[in-house]
Amino acid sequence: MGVGDGFDEELMEGIAEHGGGNFYYIDKADGIPKIFEQEFLLSVVAQNVKLTLNPPEGTQIVAIYGYPVEEQSGKPVLQLGDIYHNEVKSILVELAFYPHIQGEHTVIQLNWNYIDVTERAVACSTQIDVSASFTMDINLINEPGSAIVEQQVELTKSAKVIEDAMVAFDNGDMEHGQKLLKVQADQMLQMSIAMNSPITAEESAKLYSQLDIFEYSSKKRKELNQEKYRRMKRK
């Protein structure tokens, strides 16, 4: 938890990321009890969760968003820390495919390793094959994608935009940074109308609020960094 202006947000975020924890920025110490309550009321069901992504021939992993990635035996591995009861961890993976024949094909294999602590500590592993349908039917191709996935993608895009805006602000280019945030807020608002999505409408409003009476300061930077972190985790 970072309180006020007297801390390095990148350092704190890095400690949380590599320690399998969460990062919070709060303006005043009054917010600390609520965070402790939120964290400590959760019941751990799995520890040391590790996800290995195994793409088959014909699939290329373009990018992985949300968690630090390391490479083991030539495959990307994500250390996800502990999992709490009813918790959802969101991982966004961007894939590219070589041409496939029509039909159902496995596009990536997920290998999970973790310690189940619901009753006693038991080492577990699970393998899940993720498949996709390939087609040349233009009507099927033009069908709208999953609204949930599109919202998650847009949240990640907005996190990247906030990150780019912060770089512009740090370099003294206030106009470019504000323009980046404004364009992203407009885009999310349009998406919320087209998809009737309260989530993207709310996220758009939060970006607009960051631009109200804009003055770049240590506090503003920490607020933007917290927004970037939350959106990259798609929370």
C-alpha atoms as a PDB file:
ATOM      1  CA  MET A   1       0.000   0.000   0.000  1.00  0.00           C
ATOM      2  CA  GLY A   2       1.277   3.416  -0.939  1.00  0.00           C
ATOM      3  CA  VAL A   3      -0.164   6.293   1.087  1.00  0.00           C
ATOM      4  CA  GLY A   4       0.120   9.906  -0.009  1.00  0.00           C
ATOM      5  CA  ASP A   5       2.985  11.122  -2.184  1.00  0.00           C
ATOM      6  CA  GLY A   6       6.062   9.797  -0.389  1.00  0.00           C
ATOM      7  CA  PHE A   7       6.682   6.520  -2.192  1.00  0.00           C
ATOM      8  CA  ASP A   8       7.915   5.143  -5.507  1.00  0.00           C
ATOM      9  CA  GLU A   9       4.876   3.672  -7.269  1.00  0.00           C
ATOM     10  CA  GLU A  10       6.889   1.615  -9.794  1.00  0.00           C
ATOM     11  CA  LEU A  11       8.922   0.025  -6.985  1.00  0.00           C
ATOM     12  CA  MET A  12       5.820  -0.759  -4.926  1.00  0.00           C
ATOM     13  CA  GLU A  13       4.016  -2.203  -7.925  1.00  0.00           C
ATOM     14  CA  GLY A  14       7.045  -4.360  -8.782  1.00  0.00           C
ATOM     15  CA  ILE A  15       7.212  -5.746  -5.231  1.00  0.00           C
ATOM     16  CA  ALA A  16       3.518  -6.658  -5.386  1.00  0.00           C
ATOM     17  CA  GLU A  17       3.860  -8.223  -8.843  1.00  0.00           C
ATOM     18  CA  HIS A  18       6.844 -10.434  -8.061  1.00  0.00           C
ATOM     19  CA  GLY A  19       5.588 -11.308  -4.599  1.00  0.00           C
ATOM     20  CA  GLY A  20       2.216 -12.523  -5.860  1.00  0.00           C
ATOM     21  CA  GLY A  21       0.360  -9.754  -4.034  1.00  0.00           C
ATOM     22  CA  ASN A  22      -1.715  -6.673  -4.836  1.00  0.00           C
ATOM     23  CA  PHE A  23      -0.747  -3.032  -5.128  1.00  0.00           C
ATOM     24  CA  TYR A  24      -2.914  -0.207  -3.752  1.00  0.00           C
ATOM     25  CA  TYR A  25      -2.536   3.562  -3.834  1.00  0.00           C
ATOM     26  CA  ILE A  26      -4.595   5.516  -1.339  1.00  0.00           C
ATOM     27  CA  ASP A  27      -4.610   9.256  -0.831  1.00  0.00           C
ATOM     28  CA  LYS A  28      -5.085   9.152   2.950  1.00  0.00           C
ATOM     29  CA  ALA A  29      -4.333   6.620   5.682  1.00  0.00           C
ATOM     30  CA  ASP A  30      -8.076   6.431   6.443  1.00  0.00           C
ATOM     31  CA  GLY A  31      -8.347   3.948   3.564  1.00  0.00           C
ATOM     32  CA  ILE A  32      -5.983   1.366   5.115  1.00  0.00           C
ATOM     33  CA  PRO A  33      -8.553  -0.527   7.267  1.00  0.00           C
ATOM     34  CA  LYS A  34     -10.825  -1.122   4.265  1.00  0.00           C
ATOM     35  CA  ILE A  35      -7.953  -2.670   2.292  1.00  0.00           C
ATOM     36  CA  PHE A  36      -6.947  -4.911   5.207  1.00  0.00           C
ATOM     37  CA  GLU A  37     -10.556  -6.003   5.581  1.00  0.00           C
ATOM     38  CA  GLN A  38     -10.785  -6.724   1.860  1.00  0.00           C
ATOM     39  CA  GLU A  39      -7.554  -8.762   1.826  1.00  0.00           C
ATOM     40  CA  PHE A  40      -7.827 -10.659   5.114  1.00  0.00           C
ATOM     41  CA  LEU A  41     -11.452 -11.749   4.767  1.00  0.00           C
ATOM     42  CA  LEU A  42     -10.441 -13.771   1.720  1.00  0.00           C
ATOM     43  CA  SER A  43      -9.823 -17.493   2.139  1.00  0.00           C
ATOM     44  CA  VAL A  44      -6.860 -19.000   0.266  1.00  0.00           C
ATOM     45  CA  VAL A  45      -7.767 -22.127  -1.732  1.00  0.00           C
ATOM     46  CA  ALA A  46      -4.593 -22.563  -3.830  1.00  0.00           C
ATOM     47  CA  GLN A  47      -0.995 -21.436  -3.366  1.00  0.00           C
ATOM     48  CA  ASN A  48       1.964 -20.926  -5.683  1.00  0.00           C
ATOM     49  CA  VAL A  49      -0.190 -21.071  -8.801  1.00  0.00           C
ATOM     50  CA  LYS A  50       1.896 -21.388 -11.968  1.00  0.00           C
ATOM     51  CA  LEU A  51       0.551 -21.274 -15.517  1.00  0.00           C
ATOM     52  CA  THR A  52       2.599 -22.553 -18.447  1.00  0.00           C
ATOM     53  CA  LEU A  53       1.422 -21.678 -21.964  1.00  0.00           C
ATOM     54  CA  ASN A  54       2.194 -24.314 -24.575  1.00  0.00           C
ATOM     55  CA  PRO A  55       1.322 -23.193 -28.122  1.00  0.00           C
ATOM     56  CA  PRO A  56       1.082 -25.977 -30.744  1.00  0.00           C
ATOM     57  CA  GLU A  57       2.610 -25.701 -34.190  1.00  0.00           C
ATOM     58  CA  GLY A  58       0.693 -23.051 -36.103  1.00  0.00           C
ATOM     59  CA  THR A  59       0.084 -20.773 -33.092  1.00  0.00           C
ATOM     60  CA  GLN A  60       2.261 -17.826 -32.136  1.00  0.00           C
ATOM     61  CA  ILE A  61       1.991 -16.003 -28.803  1.00  0.00           C
ATOM     62  CA  VAL A  62       2.143 -12.303 -29.671  1.00  0.00           C
ATOM     63  CA  ALA A  63       1.803 -10.855 -26.152  1.00  0.00           C
ATOM     64  CA  ILE A  64       0.653 -11.679 -22.623  1.00  0.00           C
ATOM     65  CA  TYR A  65      -0.918  -8.927 -20.514  1.00  0.00           C
ATOM     66  CA  GLY A  66      -1.513  -8.600 -16.802  1.00  0.00           C
ATOM     67  CA  TYR A  67       1.254 -10.617 -15.152  1.00  0.00           C
ATOM     68  CA  PRO A  68       5.062 -10.882 -15.356  1.00  0.00           C
ATOM     69  CA  VAL A  69       6.222 -13.586 -17.752  1.00  0.00           C
ATOM     70  CA  GLU A  70       9.362 -15.703 -17.516  1.00  0.00           C
ATOM     71  CA  GLU A  71      10.584 -18.351 -19.919  1.00  0.00           C
ATOM     72  CA  GLN A  72      11.173 -21.948 -18.834  1.00  0.00           C
ATOM     73  CA  SER A  73      12.251 -24.608 -21.332  1.00  0.00           C
ATOM     74  CA  GLY A  74      11.306 -22.277 -24.165  1.00  0.00           C
ATOM     75  CA  LYS A  75       7.734 -21.730 -22.929  1.00  0.00           C
ATOM     76  CA  PRO A  76       6.188 -18.661 -21.226  1.00  0.00           C
ATOM     77  CA  VAL A  77       5.379 -19.174 -17.545  1.00  0.00           C
ATOM     78  CA  LEU A  78       3.253 -16.926 -15.309  1.00  0.00           C
ATOM     79  CA  GLN A  79       3.608 -16.987 -11.520  1.00  0.00           C
ATOM     80  CA  LEU A  80       0.128 -16.087 -10.262  1.00  0.00           C
ATOM     81  CA  GLY A  81       0.675 -16.318  -6.509  1.00  0.00           C
ATOM     82  CA  ASP A  82      -2.261 -17.432  -4.365  1.00  0.00           C
ATOM     83  CA  ILE A  83      -5.899 -17.874  -5.382  1.00  0.00           C
ATOM     84  CA  TYR A  84      -8.705 -16.952  -2.999  1.00  0.00           C
ATOM     85  CA  HIS A  85     -12.217 -18.368  -2.722  1.00  0.00           C
ATOM     86  CA  ASN A  86     -14.389 -16.979  -5.553  1.00  0.00           C
ATOM     87  CA  GLU A  87     -11.470 -14.916  -6.899  1.00  0.00           C
ATOM     88  CA  VAL A  88     -11.092 -14.426 -10.648  1.00  0.00           C
ATOM     89  CA  LYS A  89      -7.667 -13.717 -12.113  1.00  0.00           C
ATOM     90  CA  SER A  90      -7.872 -12.355 -15.645  1.00  0.00           C
ATOM     91  CA  ILE A  91      -5.070 -13.099 -18.119  1.00  0.00           C
ATOM     92  CA  LEU A  92      -5.184 -11.713 -21.639  1.00  0.00           C
ATOM     93  CA  VAL A  93      -3.181 -13.576 -24.291  1.00  0.00           C
ATOM     94  CA  GLU A  94      -2.855 -12.293 -27.852  1.00  0.00           C
ATOM     95  CA  LEU A  95      -2.374 -15.064 -30.423  1.00  0.00           C
ATOM     96  CA  ALA A  96      -1.604 -15.180 -34.136  1.00  0.00           C
ATOM     97  CA  PHE A  97      -2.282 -18.210 -36.312  1.00  0.00           C
ATOM     98  CA  TYR A  98      -0.826 -19.696 -39.438  1.00  0.00           C
ATOM     99  CA  PRO A  99      -3.422 -20.921 -41.986  1.00  0.00           C
ATOM    100  CA  HIS A 100      -5.533 -23.840 -40.773  1.00  0.00           C
ATOM    101  CA  ILE A 101      -7.975 -26.075 -42.586  1.00  0.00           C
ATOM    102  CA  GLN A 102     -11.619 -25.522 -41.661  1.00  0.00           C
ATOM    103  CA  GLY A 103     -12.804 -27.054 -38.429  1.00  0.00           C
ATOM    104  CA  GLU A 104     -11.967 -27.172 -34.734  1.00  0.00           C
ATOM    105  CA  HIS A 105      -8.301 -26.946 -33.740  1.00  0.00           C
ATOM    106  CA  THR A 106      -6.426 -26.695 -30.456  1.00  0.00           C
ATOM    107  CA  VAL A 107      -4.780 -23.259 -30.435  1.00  0.00           C
ATOM    108  CA  ILE A 108      -3.047 -23.329 -27.052  1.00  0.00           C
ATOM    109  CA  GLN A 109      -2.535 -25.688 -24.147  1.00  0.00           C
ATOM    110  CA  LEU A 110      -2.691 -24.412 -20.555  1.00  0.00           C
ATOM    111  CA  ASN A 111      -0.757 -26.279 -17.886  1.00  0.00           C
ATOM    112  CA  TRP A 112      -1.585 -25.332 -14.286  1.00  0.00           C
ATOM    113  CA  ASN A 113       0.499 -26.314 -11.253  1.00  0.00           C
ATOM    114  CA  TYR A 114      -0.557 -25.335  -7.727  1.00  0.00           C
ATOM    115  CA  ILE A 115      -0.882 -26.409  -4.103  1.00  0.00           C
ATOM    116  CA  ASP A 116      -4.469 -27.200  -3.111  1.00  0.00           C
ATOM    117  CA  VAL A 117      -4.936 -26.013   0.500  1.00  0.00           C
ATOM    118  CA  THR A 118      -8.719 -26.434   0.821  1.00  0.00           C
ATOM    119  CA  GLU A 119      -8.275 -29.415   3.167  1.00  0.00           C
ATOM    120  CA  ARG A 120      -4.573 -30.151   3.246  1.00  0.00           C
ATOM    121  CA  ALA A 121      -1.565 -29.134   1.169  1.00  0.00           C
ATOM    122  CA  VAL A 122      -1.662 -31.283  -1.990  1.00  0.00           C
ATOM    123  CA  ALA A 123       0.387 -30.652  -5.139  1.00  0.00           C
ATOM    124  CA  CYS A 124      -1.895 -30.587  -8.191  1.00  0.00           C
ATOM    125  CA  SER A 125      -1.559 -30.129 -11.924  1.00  0.00           C
ATOM    126  CA  THR A 126      -4.226 -29.610 -14.573  1.00  0.00           C
ATOM    127  CA  GLN A 127      -4.037 -29.428 -18.360  1.00  0.00           C
ATOM    128  CA  ILE A 128      -6.619 -27.598 -20.463  1.00  0.00           C
ATOM    129  CA  ASP A 129      -6.710 -27.501 -24.267  1.00  0.00           C
ATOM    130  CA  VAL A 130      -8.191 -24.318 -25.700  1.00  0.00           C
ATOM    131  CA  SER A 131      -9.689 -24.740 -29.154  1.00  0.00           C
ATOM    132  CA  ALA A 132     -11.023 -22.436 -31.850  1.00  0.00           C
ATOM    133  CA  SER A 133     -13.142 -22.909 -34.965  1.00  0.00           C
ATOM    134  CA  PHE A 134     -11.577 -21.953 -38.300  1.00  0.00           C
ATOM    135  CA  THR A 135     -13.836 -21.157 -41.227  1.00  0.00           C
ATOM    136  CA  MET A 136     -13.992 -19.478 -44.641  1.00  0.00           C
ATOM    137  CA  ASP A 137     -17.664 -18.541 -44.142  1.00  0.00           C
ATOM    138  CA  ILE A 138     -17.630 -14.729 -44.303  1.00  0.00           C
ATOM    139  CA  ASN A 139     -20.944 -14.522 -42.397  1.00  0.00           C
ATOM    140  CA  LEU A 140     -19.468 -16.411 -39.459  1.00  0.00           C
ATOM    141  CA  ILE A 141     -16.279 -14.329 -39.585  1.00  0.00           C
ATOM    142  CA  ASN A 142     -18.315 -11.104 -39.468  1.00  0.00           C
ATOM    143  CA  GLU A 143     -20.327 -12.167 -36.436  1.00  0.00           C
ATOM    144  CA  PRO A 144     -19.616 -10.005 -33.352  1.00  0.00           C
ATOM    145  CA  GLY A 145     -17.073 -11.385 -30.933  1.00  0.00           C
ATOM    146  CA  SER A 146     -17.569 -12.071 -27.241  1.00  0.00           C
ATOM    147  CA  ALA A 147     -18.621  -8.874 -25.449  1.00  0.00           C
ATOM    148  CA  ILE A 148     -16.738  -9.941 -22.313  1.00  0.00           C
ATOM    149  CA  VAL A 149     -13.509 -10.510 -24.235  1.00  0.00           C
ATOM    150  CA  GLU A 150     -13.862  -7.231 -26.145  1.00  0.00           C
ATOM    151  CA  GLN A 151     -14.336  -5.351 -22.873  1.00  0.00           C
ATOM    152  CA  GLN A 152     -11.256  -7.022 -21.397  1.00  0.00           C
ATOM    153  CA  VAL A 153      -9.224  -6.130 -24.477  1.00  0.00           C
ATOM    154  CA  GLU A 154     -10.380  -2.510 -24.303  1.00  0.00           C
ATOM    155  CA  LEU A 155      -9.452  -2.295 -20.619  1.00  0.00           C
ATOM    156  CA  THR A 156      -5.959  -3.520 -21.452  1.00  0.00           C
ATOM    157  CA  LYS A 157      -5.676  -1.039 -24.326  1.00  0.00           C
ATOM    158  CA  SER A 158      -6.647   1.771 -21.972  1.00  0.00           C
ATOM    159  CA  ALA A 159      -3.962   0.642 -19.496  1.00  0.00           C
ATOM    160  CA  LYS A 160      -1.350   0.851 -22.261  1.00  0.00           C
ATOM    161  CA  VAL A 161      -2.636   4.299 -23.259  1.00  0.00           C
ATOM    162  CA  ILE A 162      -2.365   5.534 -19.660  1.00  0.00           C
ATOM    163  CA  GLU A 163       1.189   4.190 -19.543  1.00  0.00           C
ATOM    164  CA  ASP A 164       2.062   6.037 -22.785  1.00  0.00           C
ATOM    165  CA  ALA A 165       0.406   9.220 -21.466  1.00  0.00           C
ATOM    166  CA  MET A 166       2.472   9.038 -18.279  1.00  0.00           C
ATOM    167  CA  VAL A 167       5.645   8.823 -20.367  1.00  0.00           C
ATOM    168  CA  ALA A 168       4.534  11.931 -22.279  1.00  0.00           C
ATOM    169  CA  PHE A 169       3.767  13.784 -19.037  1.00  0.00           C
ATOM    170  CA  ASP A 170       7.117  12.761 -17.523  1.00  0.00           C
ATOM    171  CA  ASN A 171       8.813  14.187 -20.631  1.00  0.00           C
ATOM    172  CA  GLY A 172       6.931  17.462 -20.279  1.00  0.00           C
ATOM    173  CA  ASP A 173       4.547  16.933 -23.218  1.00  0.00           C
ATOM    174  CA  MET A 174       1.281  17.677 -21.429  1.00  0.00           C
ATOM    175  CA  GLU A 175      -0.707  18.261 -24.621  1.00  0.00           C
ATOM    176  CA  HIS A 176       0.146  14.873 -26.162  1.00  0.00           C
ATOM    177  CA  GLY A 177      -0.485  13.011 -22.915  1.00  0.00           C
ATOM    178  CA  GLN A 178      -3.906  14.599 -22.440  1.00  0.00           C
ATOM    179  CA  LYS A 179      -4.777  13.917 -26.069  1.00  0.00           C
ATOM    180  CA  LEU A 180      -3.976  10.218 -25.630  1.00  0.00           C
ATOM    181  CA  LEU A 181      -6.283  10.002 -22.609  1.00  0.00           C
ATOM    182  CA  LYS A 182      -9.056  11.971 -24.327  1.00  0.00           C
ATOM    183  CA  VAL A 183      -9.008   9.804 -27.481  1.00  0.00           C
ATOM    184  CA  GLN A 184      -9.128   6.612 -25.383  1.00  0.00           C
ATOM    185  CA  ALA A 185     -11.987   7.976 -23.239  1.00  0.00           C
ATOM    186  CA  ASP A 186     -13.929   8.883 -26.396  1.00  0.00           C
ATOM    187  CA  GLN A 187     -13.323   5.443 -27.876  1.00  0.00           C
ATOM    188  CA  MET A 188     -14.518   3.661 -24.737  1.00  0.00           C
ATOM    189  CA  LEU A 189     -17.607   5.865 -24.591  1.00  0.00           C
ATOM    190  CA  GLN A 190     -18.471   5.008 -28.209  1.00  0.00           C
ATOM    191  CA  MET A 191     -17.916   1.325 -27.445  1.00  0.00           C
ATOM    192  CA  SER A 192     -20.178   1.518 -24.387  1.00  0.00           C
ATOM    193  CA  ILE A 193     -22.982   2.960 -26.536  1.00  0.00           C
ATOM    194  CA  ALA A 194     -22.522   0.439 -29.363  1.00  0.00           C
ATOM    195  CA  MET A 195     -22.389  -2.542 -26.987  1.00  0.00           C
ATOM    196  CA  ASN A 196     -24.715  -1.133 -24.306  1.00  0.00           C
ATOM    197  CA  SER A 197     -21.872  -1.748 -21.863  1.00  0.00           C
ATOM    198  CA  PRO A 198     -22.051  -0.104 -18.410  1.00  0.00           C
ATOM    199  CA  ILE A 199     -18.489  -1.296 -17.691  1.00  0.00           C
ATOM    200  CA  THR A 200     -16.849   0.578 -20.564  1.00  0.00           C
ATOM    201  CA  ALA A 201     -19.072   3.611 -19.843  1.00  0.00           C
ATOM    202  CA  GLU A 202     -17.795   3.663 -16.258  1.00  0.00           C
ATOM    203  CA  GLU A 203     -14.172   3.253 -17.345  1.00  0.00           C
ATOM    204  CA  SER A 204     -14.595   6.029 -19.899  1.00  0.00           C
ATOM    205  CA  ALA A 205     -16.006   8.342 -17.209  1.00  0.00           C
ATOM    206  CA  LYS A 206     -13.005   7.620 -14.970  1.00  0.00           C
ATOM    207  CA  LEU A 207     -10.634   8.669 -17.752  1.00  0.00           C
ATOM    208  CA  TYR A 208     -12.615  11.875 -18.362  1.00  0.00           C
ATOM    209  CA  SER A 209     -12.437  12.628 -14.625  1.00  0.00           C
ATOM    210  CA  GLN A 210      -8.638  12.389 -14.765  1.00  0.00           C
ATOM    211  CA  LEU A 211      -8.672  15.172 -17.372  1.00  0.00           C
ATOM    212  CA  ASP A 212     -10.859  17.563 -15.341  1.00  0.00           C
ATOM    213  CA  ILE A 213      -8.832  20.608 -14.208  1.00  0.00           C
ATOM    214  CA  PHE A 214      -5.687  18.723 -15.203  1.00  0.00           C
ATOM    215  CA  GLU A 215      -2.486  19.455 -13.309  1.00  0.00           C
ATOM    216  CA  TYR A 216       0.324  16.912 -13.469  1.00  0.00           C
ATOM    217  CA  SER A 217       1.750  16.335 -10.008  1.00  0.00           C
ATOM    218  CA  SER A 218       3.135  13.497  -7.905  1.00  0.00           C
ATOM    219  CA  LYS A 219      -0.403  12.772  -6.711  1.00  0.00           C
ATOM    220  CA  LYS A 220      -1.816  12.794 -10.260  1.00  0.00           C
ATOM    221  CA  ARG A 221       0.939  10.444 -11.422  1.00  0.00           C
ATOM    222  CA  LYS A 222       0.128   7.989  -8.633  1.00  0.00           C
ATOM    223  CA  GLU A 223      -3.574   8.149  -9.472  1.00  0.00           C
ATOM    224  CA  LEU A 224      -2.844   7.414 -13.137  1.00  0.00           C
ATOM    225  CA  ASN A 225      -0.457   4.602 -12.210  1.00  0.00           C
ATOM    226  CA  GLN A 226      -3.123   3.013  -9.996  1.00  0.00           C
ATOM    227  CA  GLU A 227      -5.625   3.249 -12.861  1.00  0.00           C
ATOM    228  CA  LYS A 228      -3.113   1.656 -15.223  1.00  0.00           C
ATOM    229  CA  TYR A 229      -2.443  -1.179 -12.747  1.00  0.00           C
ATOM    230  CA  ARG A 230      -6.149  -1.848 -12.130  1.00  0.00           C
ATOM    231  CA  ARG A 231      -6.996  -1.874 -15.838  1.00  0.00           C
ATOM    232  CA  MET A 232      -4.036  -4.070 -16.751  1.00  0.00           C
ATOM    233  CA  LYS A 233      -5.340  -6.566 -14.187  1.00  0.00           C
ATOM    234  CA  ARG A 234      -8.827  -5.979 -15.668  1.00  0.00           C
ATOM    235  CA  LYS A 235     -10.338  -5.539 -12.202  1.00  0.00           C
END
